[in-house]
Amino acid sequence: MENIPNSPKTNLSYQLFLYREELRKRNSQYLRLSKKKFEITDELITQKVSNLNECTPEDIKTINQELEFKRKLKLEIYRTRKLMNLGMKNVGPNTPSTEL
């Protein structure tokens, strides 16, 4: 994936386009996809929270679900980085846990 900084100029639709392009690659890296998914989720949450006064109770419930998804994704990214630092290759969501 291209090294494009996540800045206010990088809009959400372009981030989604880059994510879809990365998904089309045969050997896309799980960590790179997870980071991009995290950025997209963060952008969506930021947009929804900025309009919090206009939110319905269902919208607030959705925001809470997105925050929980973001938290789990952050933990998964941390776990993946940790395993890669230990020398594991091709770390993904189906990699067995290293917890004792």
Protein backbone atom coordinates (compact mmCIF):
# COMPACT_ATOMS: atom_id res chain seq x y z
CA MET A 1 0.00 0.00 0.00
CA GLU A 2 1.21 3.48 -0.66
CA ASN A 3 2.65 5.47 2.18
CA ILE A 4 0.06 8.20 2.34
CA PRO A 5 -0.08 10.06 5.62
CA ASN A 6 -3.42 10.07 7.35
CA SER A 7 -4.10 13.78 7.23
CA PRO A 8 -7.25 15.86 7.02
CA LYS A 9 -6.65 16.08 3.27
CA THR A 10 -6.90 12.29 2.93
CA ASN A 11 -10.65 11.88 2.84
CA LEU A 12 -12.60 8.83 3.85
CA SER A 13 -13.63 7.76 0.36
CA TYR A 14 -9.99 7.71 -0.75
CA GLN A 15 -9.02 5.68 2.32
CA LEU A 16 -11.75 3.18 1.47
CA PHE A 17 -10.49 3.01 -2.11
CA LEU A 18 -6.95 2.24 -0.90
CA TYR A 19 -8.27 -0.39 1.50
CA ARG A 20 -10.22 -2.13 -1.28
CA GLU A 21 -7.15 -2.08 -3.51
CA GLU A 22 -5.09 -3.67 -0.75
CA LEU A 23 -7.75 -6.37 -0.29
CA ARG A 24 -7.48 -7.25 -3.98
CA LYS A 25 -3.79 -8.05 -3.68
CA ARG A 26 -3.00 -11.69 -3.23
CA ASN A 27 -0.31 -11.30 -0.62
CA SER A 28 -1.59 -8.34 1.34
CA GLN A 29 -0.21 -8.09 4.84
CA TYR A 30 -2.62 -8.52 7.71
CA LEU A 31 -0.99 -5.79 9.80
CA ARG A 32 -1.23 -3.25 7.00
CA LEU A 33 -4.90 -4.08 6.44
CA SER A 34 -5.63 -3.83 10.15
CA LYS A 35 -3.96 -0.44 10.41
CA LYS A 36 -5.96 0.87 7.47
CA LYS A 37 -9.18 -0.55 8.93
CA PHE A 38 -8.34 1.16 12.23
CA GLU A 39 -7.83 4.51 10.47
CA ILE A 40 -11.11 4.19 8.58
CA THR A 41 -13.02 3.24 11.73
CA ASP A 42 -11.46 6.15 13.60
CA GLU A 43 -12.49 8.56 10.84
CA LEU A 44 -16.07 7.27 10.88
CA ILE A 45 -16.29 7.62 14.65
CA THR A 46 -14.87 11.14 14.48
CA GLN A 47 -17.44 12.16 11.88
CA LYS A 48 -20.33 10.73 13.91
CA VAL A 49 -19.16 12.23 17.20
CA SER A 50 -18.84 15.67 15.61
CA ASN A 51 -22.59 15.51 14.95
CA LEU A 52 -23.49 14.10 18.35
CA ASN A 53 -26.25 16.66 18.95
CA GLU A 54 -28.16 15.28 15.96
CA CYS A 55 -27.73 11.61 16.92
CA THR A 56 -30.59 9.29 17.69
CA PRO A 57 -30.31 6.61 20.39
CA GLU A 58 -29.63 4.08 17.61
CA ASP A 59 -26.75 6.23 16.36
CA ILE A 60 -25.26 6.35 19.84
CA LYS A 61 -25.56 2.57 20.10
CA THR A 62 -23.76 2.26 16.75
CA ILE A 63 -21.01 4.62 17.92
CA ASN A 64 -20.52 2.47 21.03
CA GLN A 65 -20.25 -0.66 18.86
CA GLU A 66 -17.72 1.07 16.62
CA LEU A 67 -15.68 2.16 19.64
CA GLU A 68 -15.65 -1.44 20.91
CA PHE A 69 -14.60 -2.69 17.46
CA LYS A 70 -11.82 -0.06 17.38
CA ARG A 71 -10.61 -1.13 20.82
CA LYS A 72 -10.47 -4.81 19.79
CA LEU A 73 -8.75 -3.93 16.54
CA LYS A 74 -6.14 -1.90 18.42
CA LEU A 75 -5.43 -4.89 20.66
CA GLU A 76 -5.15 -7.15 17.60
CA ILE A 77 -2.68 -4.74 15.97
CA TYR A 78 -0.64 -4.68 19.19
CA ARG A 79 -0.67 -8.50 19.33
CA THR A 80 0.35 -8.78 15.69
CA ARG A 81 3.25 -6.36 16.13
CA LYS A 82 4.40 -8.22 19.21
CA LEU A 83 4.39 -11.56 17.39
CA MET A 84 6.23 -10.05 14.43
CA ASN A 85 8.86 -8.63 16.80
CA LEU A 86 9.34 -12.15 18.15
CA GLY A 87 10.18 -13.29 14.63
CA MET A 88 6.91 -14.81 13.49
CA LYS A 89 6.03 -14.32 9.85
CA ASN A 90 2.65 -14.24 8.16
CA VAL A 91 0.90 -13.31 11.39
CA GLY A 92 -2.84 -13.09 10.89
CA PRO A 93 -6.15 -13.46 12.64
CA ASN A 94 -5.89 -17.27 12.66
CA THR A 95 -2.44 -17.34 14.25
CA PRO A 96 -2.65 -19.29 17.50
CA SER A 97 -2.53 -17.32 20.71
CA THR A 98 0.75 -17.06 22.56
CA GLU A 99 -0.83 -16.71 25.99
CA LEU A 100 0.34 -19.18 28.61
